[in-house]
Amino acid sequence: MRIEDDMKRVLVFGAPPKRIVSLVPSDTYSVARLGCVSALVGRTDYCELPPSTASFASFACDVPSVGGTKNPRLEAIFDLSPDLVIANKEENTKSDLEALVARGVKVFVAFPKRAAEGLGHLARLARILHVEREPSVRTLLKSGYEAIREAEAARATRVPLRTFCPIWMDPLMTIHGATFISDMLDLAGAQNVFADRERRYPLAADLGKARALSTDKLAGRDTRYPRVTIAEVVSFAPELVLLPDEPHPFTEADADVFRALAIPAASRGAVVRTGGKDLTWYGAQTVEGLPRLRGLVESCTARFRE
């Protein structure tokens, strides 16, 4: 079986991998939801299991952590003799992945920017693990695509809620439209007010205090996570401020900062904290998370449109 990853690298699988190290929490979750948790021999500090599988305490005991997503212990990975490492272009460090490949480790790299792409990746994992014909897996994938179709149909009939969704507080950072989070917001009926705002370099330029580097001088830098000012947030007048608990754990104190602003979201009580996994974890989490996210946005929409 030949399968192409999101880096356009073709990997050949003769048999399903039996020793998997996952460097992506959402992929650890997906592998478990595909019924293959027993194949996991390594994980990150941030990995979790679905409630329907074995307890995390047992999983954490039996499956060792190899560190964080940005700083995995490579020797620990090598010692586990994996026949597959699952990684993500954005979450993991390029030099770490190159070091793994250089030592002959098979590395499958994902980089979905849309919810549908995340489900496509889940389908690829099912094929790699030879479980794509399992009834539970087919039901999982079907449910995911149905959730997206239902969200798209609902979105086509409603005026979206203008939404600010930061991912970091200090410095204040948010998301461009070409991100997985922005697509999830869009499907849920929340219009990302910073969808067209790219990150500028250097920092002073991103904050409007200096001239930005021209495109030809960016050297491939990611421009999808702009650093913005409170003044910019106010100028966009969001109707909803959505504060996820990851990657930055926004607190009530953070929420109070936005509740004090002269924006519609503050005046209507629509500054809301929420779980970040429904916004950021692609694959199996999307199947469960998208309906929850839609429900949250719809409740805020009802409050605002009263």
Protein backbone atom coordinates (compact mmCIF):
# COMPACT_ATOMS: atom_id res chain seq x y z
CA MET A 1 0.00 0.00 0.00
CA ARG A 2 1.35 3.41 -1.03
CA ILE A 3 -0.02 6.46 0.80
CA GLU A 4 1.01 10.08 0.36
CA ASP A 5 1.29 12.30 3.41
CA ASP A 6 0.66 16.04 3.50
CA MET A 7 4.29 16.76 2.62
CA LYS A 8 3.75 14.90 -0.68
CA ARG A 9 5.99 12.08 0.52
CA VAL A 10 4.87 8.59 -0.54
CA LEU A 11 5.18 5.98 2.19
CA VAL A 12 4.87 2.26 1.51
CA PHE A 13 3.06 0.01 4.00
CA GLY A 14 3.21 -3.74 3.53
CA ALA A 15 1.46 -4.53 6.79
CA PRO A 16 -0.27 -2.44 9.45
CA PRO A 17 2.22 -0.82 11.85
CA LYS A 18 2.37 -2.55 15.21
CA ARG A 19 4.62 -0.07 17.04
CA ILE A 20 3.44 3.51 16.66
CA VAL A 21 4.82 6.62 18.33
CA SER A 22 2.41 9.52 18.04
CA LEU A 23 3.84 13.01 18.34
CA VAL A 24 0.41 14.59 17.85
CA PRO A 25 -2.23 14.44 20.61
CA SER A 26 -5.12 14.55 18.14
CA ASP A 27 -3.62 11.60 16.24
CA THR A 28 -3.20 9.62 19.45
CA TYR A 29 -6.89 10.21 20.05
CA SER A 30 -7.72 9.19 16.47
CA VAL A 31 -5.69 5.98 16.60
CA ALA A 32 -7.55 5.02 19.75
CA ARG A 33 -10.94 5.84 18.18
CA LEU A 34 -9.98 3.62 15.25
CA GLY A 35 -9.65 0.77 17.74
CA CYS A 36 -5.86 0.53 17.53
CA VAL A 37 -4.75 1.86 20.91
CA SER A 38 -2.73 -1.34 21.45
CA ALA A 39 -0.43 -0.31 18.59
CA LEU A 40 0.68 2.85 20.45
CA VAL A 41 4.06 2.41 22.12
CA GLY A 42 4.94 6.10 22.57
CA ARG A 43 3.07 9.37 23.06
CA THR A 44 3.51 13.00 24.06
CA ASP A 45 2.91 14.55 27.47
CA TYR A 46 -0.34 16.02 26.12
CA CYS A 47 -1.95 12.90 24.68
CA GLU A 48 -5.37 11.78 25.88
CA LEU A 49 -7.67 8.86 25.14
CA PRO A 50 -11.36 8.88 24.27
CA PRO A 51 -13.59 8.16 27.29
CA SER A 52 -14.73 4.91 25.66
CA THR A 53 -11.24 3.38 25.73
CA ALA A 54 -9.09 2.16 28.61
CA SER A 55 -8.42 4.65 31.39
CA PHE A 56 -5.70 7.19 30.79
CA ALA A 57 -4.00 6.16 34.02
CA SER A 58 -3.46 2.69 32.58
CA PHE A 59 -2.48 4.13 29.20
CA ALA A 60 0.01 6.55 30.78
CA CYS A 61 1.53 3.68 32.73
CA ASP A 62 1.78 1.30 29.79
CA VAL A 63 2.69 3.77 27.05
CA PRO A 64 5.68 5.99 27.90
CA SER A 65 5.83 9.66 27.03
CA VAL A 66 8.67 10.81 24.78
CA GLY A 67 8.24 14.46 25.78
CA GLY A 68 6.39 17.38 24.26
CA THR A 69 5.39 18.01 20.68
CA LYS A 70 8.11 20.64 20.22
CA ASN A 71 10.82 18.92 22.25
CA PRO A 72 10.51 15.13 22.02
CA ARG A 73 13.37 13.02 23.30
CA LEU A 74 14.64 11.50 20.09
CA GLU A 75 16.70 8.79 21.76
CA ALA A 76 13.62 7.69 23.67
CA ILE A 77 11.80 7.35 20.34
CA PHE A 78 14.63 5.35 18.82
CA ASP A 79 14.68 3.06 21.87
CA LEU A 80 11.02 2.21 21.25
CA SER A 81 11.86 0.87 17.77
CA PRO A 82 8.72 2.27 16.14
CA ASP A 83 7.64 1.10 12.72
CA LEU A 84 5.73 4.37 12.34
CA VAL A 85 5.91 7.86 13.84
CA ILE A 86 2.88 10.07 13.28
CA ALA A 87 3.74 13.77 13.15
CA ASN A 88 2.40 17.17 12.14
CA LYS A 89 4.24 19.85 10.17
CA GLU A 90 2.99 22.62 12.44
CA GLU A 91 3.10 20.95 15.86
CA ASN A 92 6.45 19.22 15.52
CA THR A 93 9.88 20.64 14.77
CA LYS A 94 11.28 20.11 11.28
CA SER A 95 14.77 19.27 12.55
CA ASP A 96 13.38 16.54 14.85
CA LEU A 97 11.42 14.93 12.03
CA GLU A 98 14.44 15.09 9.72
CA ALA A 99 16.57 13.43 12.41
CA LEU A 100 14.04 10.60 12.71
CA VAL A 101 13.94 10.07 8.95
CA ALA A 102 17.76 10.15 8.79
CA ARG A 103 17.85 7.23 11.24
CA GLY A 104 15.52 5.21 9.03
CA VAL A 105 12.29 5.81 10.97
CA LYS A 106 9.10 5.93 8.90
CA VAL A 107 7.46 9.30 9.60
CA PHE A 108 3.97 10.15 8.39
CA VAL A 109 3.39 13.92 8.45
CA ALA A 110 -0.05 15.54 8.45
CA PHE A 111 -0.96 19.20 7.93
CA PRO A 112 -4.74 19.61 7.55
CA LYS A 113 -5.99 23.18 7.31
CA ARG A 114 -9.67 22.31 6.98
CA ALA A 115 -12.00 20.05 8.95
CA ALA A 116 -12.65 17.92 5.86
CA GLU A 117 -8.90 17.49 5.37
CA GLY A 118 -8.64 16.29 8.96
CA LEU A 119 -11.27 13.64 8.26
CA GLY A 120 -9.39 12.70 5.11
CA HIS A 121 -6.32 12.20 7.26
CA LEU A 122 -8.35 10.01 9.63
CA ALA A 123 -9.37 7.90 6.63
CA ARG A 124 -5.70 7.56 5.63
CA LEU A 125 -4.82 6.38 9.13
CA ALA A 126 -7.60 3.80 8.89
CA ARG A 127 -6.10 2.49 5.66
CA ILE A 128 -2.60 2.43 7.11
CA LEU A 129 -3.89 0.46 10.10
CA HIS A 130 -5.97 -1.85 7.86
CA VAL A 131 -9.20 -1.06 9.71
CA GLU A 132 -10.99 0.95 7.01
CA ARG A 133 -13.56 -1.84 6.53
CA GLU A 134 -14.41 -2.18 10.21
CA PRO A 135 -18.07 -1.23 10.82
CA SER A 136 -17.19 1.08 13.72
CA VAL A 137 -14.59 2.89 11.61
CA ARG A 138 -16.94 3.31 8.67
CA THR A 139 -19.58 4.67 11.03
CA LEU A 140 -17.07 7.10 12.56
CA LEU A 141 -16.03 8.48 9.18
CA LYS A 142 -19.60 8.65 7.93
CA SER A 143 -20.61 10.58 11.05
CA GLY A 144 -17.78 13.02 10.51
CA TYR A 145 -18.66 13.83 6.92
CA GLU A 146 -22.35 14.09 7.81
CA ALA A 147 -21.47 16.55 10.59
CA ILE A 148 -19.60 18.72 8.09
CA ARG A 149 -22.42 18.57 5.52
CA GLU A 150 -24.99 19.52 8.16
CA ALA A 151 -22.81 22.40 9.34
CA GLU A 152 -22.32 23.67 5.78
CA ALA A 153 -26.07 23.52 5.12
CA ALA A 154 -26.85 25.43 8.32
CA ARG A 155 -24.17 28.00 7.64
CA ALA A 156 -25.66 28.73 4.20
CA THR A 157 -28.94 29.84 5.76
CA ARG A 158 -27.69 31.96 8.65
CA VAL A 159 -25.82 35.20 9.16
CA PRO A 160 -22.57 34.23 10.91
CA LEU A 161 -21.58 35.74 14.24
CA ARG A 162 -18.55 38.01 13.90
CA THR A 163 -15.98 36.32 16.11
CA PHE A 164 -12.59 37.00 17.62
CA CYS A 165 -10.74 33.87 18.69
CA PRO A 166 -7.27 34.50 20.14
CA ILE A 167 -4.79 31.69 20.64
CA TRP A 168 -2.38 33.53 22.95
CA MET A 169 -2.75 36.37 25.43
CA ASP A 170 0.69 37.94 25.79
CA PRO A 171 1.48 38.72 23.07
CA LEU A 172 -2.11 38.73 21.83
CA MET A 173 -2.25 36.38 18.85
CA THR A 174 -5.05 35.10 16.66
CA ILE A 175 -5.65 33.10 13.49
CA HIS A 176 -5.77 33.76 9.77
CA GLY A 177 -8.47 32.23 7.59
CA ALA A 178 -6.09 29.59 6.21
CA THR A 179 -6.06 27.63 9.47
CA PHE A 180 -7.89 24.61 10.84
CA ILE A 181 -9.30 26.68 13.72
CA SER A 182 -10.75 29.29 11.37
CA ASP A 183 -12.43 26.60 9.28
CA MET A 184 -13.97 25.04 12.38
CA LEU A 185 -15.28 28.45 13.41
CA ASP A 186 -16.73 29.00 9.96
CA LEU A 187 -18.50 25.64 10.00
CA ALA A 188 -19.93 26.46 13.42
CA GLY A 189 -21.40 29.74 12.19
CA ALA A 190 -18.70 32.04 13.53
CA GLN A 191 -17.01 34.45 11.11
CA ASN A 192 -13.34 34.97 11.96
CA VAL A 193 -12.91 38.76 11.98
CA PHE A 194 -9.16 38.40 11.40
CA ALA A 195 -9.50 35.92 8.50
CA ASP A 196 -7.68 38.30 6.13
CA ARG A 197 -5.06 39.49 8.59
CA GLU A 198 -1.62 37.99 7.95
CA ARG A 199 1.26 38.06 10.36
CA ARG A 200 3.81 40.71 9.54
CA TYR A 201 7.51 40.67 10.24
CA PRO A 202 9.25 42.03 12.31
CA LEU A 203 7.17 42.21 15.50
CA ALA A 204 6.98 46.00 15.38
CA ALA A 205 5.42 45.75 11.90
CA ASP A 206 2.83 43.27 13.15
CA LEU A 207 1.83 45.83 15.75
CA GLY A 208 1.70 48.66 13.22
CA LYS A 209 4.84 50.40 14.45
CA ALA A 210 7.24 49.70 11.58
CA ARG A 211 7.32 48.84 7.89
CA ALA A 212 6.73 45.14 7.17
CA LEU A 213 9.18 43.01 5.25
CA SER A 214 8.20 42.40 1.64
CA THR A 215 6.88 38.99 0.65
CA ASP A 216 10.12 38.04 -1.08
CA LYS A 217 12.01 38.51 2.20
CA LEU A 218 9.81 36.31 4.40
CA ALA A 219 11.80 33.15 3.55
CA GLY A 220 8.86 30.82 3.95
CA ARG A 221 7.77 32.11 7.36
CA ASP A 222 4.28 31.22 8.51
CA THR A 223 2.04 34.27 8.26
CA ARG A 224 -1.15 32.61 9.54
CA TYR A 225 -0.88 33.62 13.20
CA PRO A 226 -0.84 37.42 13.47
CA ARG A 227 -0.05 39.32 16.64
CA VAL A 228 -2.75 41.93 17.07
CA THR A 229 -3.50 44.83 19.39
CA ILE A 230 -6.49 45.44 21.62
CA ALA A 231 -7.21 48.48 19.48
CA GLU A 232 -7.50 46.24 16.41
CA VAL A 233 -9.90 43.95 18.24
CA VAL A 234 -12.09 46.91 19.17
CA SER A 235 -12.03 48.20 15.59
CA PHE A 236 -13.43 44.90 14.29
CA ALA A 237 -16.32 45.00 16.80
CA PRO A 238 -16.68 41.23 17.32
CA GLU A 239 -20.04 39.91 18.41
CA LEU A 240 -18.41 36.88 20.05
CA VAL A 241 -15.05 36.49 21.76
CA LEU A 242 -14.20 32.81 22.05
CA LEU A 243 -11.37 31.93 24.46
CA PRO A 244 -10.12 28.33 24.15
CA ASP A 245 -8.17 26.58 26.88
CA GLU A 246 -5.41 25.57 24.47
CA PRO A 247 -2.85 26.24 23.14
CA HIS A 248 -3.04 29.06 25.71
CA PRO A 249 -5.15 28.40 28.84
CA PHE A 250 -7.25 31.56 28.84
CA THR A 251 -8.47 32.43 32.33
CA GLU A 252 -11.37 34.40 33.77
CA ALA A 253 -8.92 37.26 34.28
CA ASP A 254 -8.19 37.16 30.53
CA ALA A 255 -11.93 37.08 29.81
CA ASP A 256 -12.41 40.15 31.99
CA VAL A 257 -9.98 42.07 29.78
CA PHE A 258 -12.28 41.56 26.79
CA ARG A 259 -15.45 42.08 28.84
CA ALA A 260 -14.17 45.58 29.62
CA LEU A 261 -13.87 46.53 25.95
CA ALA A 262 -16.37 48.61 24.01
CA ILE A 263 -17.35 45.74 21.70
CA PRO A 264 -20.72 44.06 21.01
CA ALA A 265 -19.49 40.76 22.49
CA ALA A 266 -18.92 42.43 25.85
CA SER A 267 -22.23 44.30 25.93
CA ARG A 268 -24.18 41.12 25.13
CA GLY A 269 -22.31 38.81 27.50
CA ALA A 270 -20.73 36.88 24.62
CA VAL A 271 -17.16 36.61 25.91
CA VAL A 272 -16.98 32.85 26.36
CA ARG A 273 -14.33 30.38 27.46
CA THR A 274 -14.40 26.95 25.84
CA GLY A 275 -12.46 23.74 25.37
CA GLY A 276 -9.73 24.11 22.77
CA LYS A 277 -9.71 20.54 21.53
CA ASP A 278 -12.96 21.01 19.62
CA LEU A 279 -11.26 23.85 17.74
CA THR A 280 -7.77 22.46 17.25
CA TRP A 281 -7.78 18.65 17.29
CA TYR A 282 -8.41 17.29 13.80
CA GLY A 283 -9.59 13.81 12.92
CA ALA A 284 -11.79 11.82 15.28
CA GLN A 285 -12.16 14.76 17.68
CA THR A 286 -13.87 16.76 14.93
CA VAL A 287 -16.63 14.15 14.67
CA GLU A 288 -17.60 14.87 18.27
CA GLY A 289 -16.34 18.44 18.57
CA LEU A 290 -18.01 20.13 15.60
CA PRO A 291 -21.59 19.57 16.89
CA ARG A 292 -20.53 20.87 20.33
CA LEU A 293 -18.91 23.93 18.80
CA ARG A 294 -21.98 24.59 16.68
CA GLY A 295 -24.18 24.37 19.75
CA LEU A 296 -22.01 26.88 21.60
CA VAL A 297 -22.02 29.37 18.72
CA GLU A 298 -25.75 28.94 18.15
CA SER A 299 -26.49 29.67 21.80
CA CYS A 300 -24.40 32.85 21.60
CA THR A 301 -26.07 33.79 18.32
CA ALA A 302 -29.51 33.44 19.89
CA ARG A 303 -28.42 35.67 22.77
CA PHE A 304 -27.02 38.30 20.42
CA ARG A 305 -29.95 38.30 17.99
CA GLU A 306 -32.58 38.71 20.76
